[in-house]
Every structure is written in structure tokens, then in C-alpha cells.
Amino acid sequence: MTPTIQTALFIAIVGIAGIFIFMSFFYMIILALDKYLPYQEEKPVEEFIEETFEDEEE
């Protein structure tokens, strides 16, 4: 194998490994954000008004 091909393969392997590490890190950030800031569905305005009205009656 020529030194040029070896260098090209080394650069390709380093690039692929770098992308893999970055994507793993990015995925961990997404999981952490999802754990500490969970999604909460917003209630429609009608339900919010009904709950407020029920609270006032009590």
C-alpha cells in the first residue's frame, strides 16, 4: 500500500470517528434536555377556562 493511500485511509477513519463521537455527544445532550425539561402539552383554552371557573366556585 502506498503512503498516499495510507494517509487517505487514516484521514477517512479519523473523520468517521470524529463524526461518530460528535453524534454520540449530541444524542446525550438531547437525552439530558428531555430528562430535565420534559415536554408538557398545552391545554386548549376552553379547558383552562373551565378549570378556572370550577376553582372559583369552590
C-alpha atoms as a PDB file:
ATOM      1  CA  MET A   1       0.000   0.000   0.000  1.00  0.00           C
ATOM      2  CA  THR A   2       1.384   3.385  -0.923  1.00  0.00           C
ATOM      3  CA  PRO A   3       1.895   6.082   1.695  1.00  0.00           C
ATOM      4  CA  THR A   4      -0.674   8.277  -0.065  1.00  0.00           C
ATOM      5  CA  ILE A   5      -3.394   5.636   0.284  1.00  0.00           C
ATOM      6  CA  GLN A   6      -2.431   5.001   3.906  1.00  0.00           C
ATOM      7  CA  THR A   7      -2.664   8.710   4.670  1.00  0.00           C
ATOM      8  CA  ALA A   8      -6.032   8.954   2.903  1.00  0.00           C
ATOM      9  CA  LEU A   9      -7.403   5.983   4.860  1.00  0.00           C
ATOM     10  CA  PHE A  10      -6.118   7.445   8.128  1.00  0.00           C
ATOM     11  CA  ILE A  11      -7.815  10.780   7.396  1.00  0.00           C
ATOM     12  CA  ALA A  12     -11.063   8.986   6.487  1.00  0.00           C
ATOM     13  CA  ILE A  13     -11.006   6.898   9.678  1.00  0.00           C
ATOM     14  CA  VAL A  14     -10.310   9.947  11.843  1.00  0.00           C
ATOM     15  CA  GLY A  15     -13.173  11.813  10.136  1.00  0.00           C
ATOM     16  CA  ILE A  16     -15.639   8.970  10.599  1.00  0.00           C
ATOM     17  CA  ALA A  17     -14.612   8.529  14.246  1.00  0.00           C
ATOM     18  CA  GLY A  18     -14.962  12.272  14.843  1.00  0.00           C
ATOM     19  CA  ILE A  19     -18.456  12.313  13.384  1.00  0.00           C
ATOM     20  CA  PHE A  20     -19.425   9.265  15.464  1.00  0.00           C
ATOM     21  CA  ILE A  21     -18.136  10.907  18.664  1.00  0.00           C
ATOM     22  CA  PHE A  22     -19.914  14.177  17.864  1.00  0.00           C
ATOM     23  CA  MET A  23     -23.222  12.433  17.109  1.00  0.00           C
ATOM     24  CA  SER A  24     -22.976  10.420  20.352  1.00  0.00           C
ATOM     25  CA  PHE A  25     -22.314  13.611  22.326  1.00  0.00           C
ATOM     26  CA  PHE A  26     -25.208  15.403  20.585  1.00  0.00           C
ATOM     27  CA  TYR A  27     -27.548  12.466  21.349  1.00  0.00           C
ATOM     28  CA  MET A  28     -26.563  12.558  25.027  1.00  0.00           C
ATOM     29  CA  ILE A  29     -27.320  16.293  25.142  1.00  0.00           C
ATOM     30  CA  ILE A  30     -30.768  15.642  23.649  1.00  0.00           C
ATOM     31  CA  LEU A  31     -31.477  12.909  26.222  1.00  0.00           C
ATOM     32  CA  ALA A  32     -30.360  15.154  29.086  1.00  0.00           C
ATOM     33  CA  LEU A  33     -32.523  18.037  27.886  1.00  0.00           C
ATOM     34  CA  ASP A  34     -35.500  15.716  27.507  1.00  0.00           C
ATOM     35  CA  LYS A  35     -34.992  14.428  31.055  1.00  0.00           C
ATOM     36  CA  TYR A  36     -34.566  17.819  32.731  1.00  0.00           C
ATOM     37  CA  LEU A  37     -37.005  19.788  30.550  1.00  0.00           C
ATOM     38  CA  PRO A  38     -39.838  17.358  29.696  1.00  0.00           C
ATOM     39  CA  TYR A  39     -42.444  18.249  27.126  1.00  0.00           C
ATOM     40  CA  GLN A  40     -45.761  19.414  28.586  1.00  0.00           C
ATOM     41  CA  GLU A  41     -48.821  19.531  26.393  1.00  0.00           C
ATOM     42  CA  GLU A  42     -50.656  22.807  26.484  1.00  0.00           C
ATOM     43  CA  LYS A  43     -54.332  22.581  27.361  1.00  0.00           C
ATOM     44  CA  PRO A  44     -56.812  24.142  24.987  1.00  0.00           C
ATOM     45  CA  VAL A  45     -58.181  27.496  26.137  1.00  0.00           C
ATOM     46  CA  GLU A  46     -61.645  26.022  26.805  1.00  0.00           C
ATOM     47  CA  GLU A  47     -60.306  23.522  29.361  1.00  0.00           C
ATOM     48  CA  PHE A  48     -58.267  26.228  31.086  1.00  0.00           C
ATOM     49  CA  ILE A  49     -61.340  28.456  31.372  1.00  0.00           C
ATOM     50  CA  GLU A  50     -63.435  25.564  32.751  1.00  0.00           C
ATOM     51  CA  GLU A  51     -60.792  24.731  35.377  1.00  0.00           C
ATOM     52  CA  THR A  52     -60.585  28.370  36.423  1.00  0.00           C
ATOM     53  CA  PHE A  53     -64.374  28.575  36.665  1.00  0.00           C
ATOM     54  CA  GLU A  54     -64.518  25.395  38.796  1.00  0.00           C
ATOM     55  CA  ASP A  55     -61.838  26.759  41.137  1.00  0.00           C
ATOM     56  CA  GLU A  56     -63.812  29.955  41.652  1.00  0.00           C
ATOM     57  CA  GLU A  57     -66.962  28.011  42.622  1.00  0.00           C
ATOM     58  CA  GLU A  58     -65.184  26.159  45.446  1.00  0.00           C
END
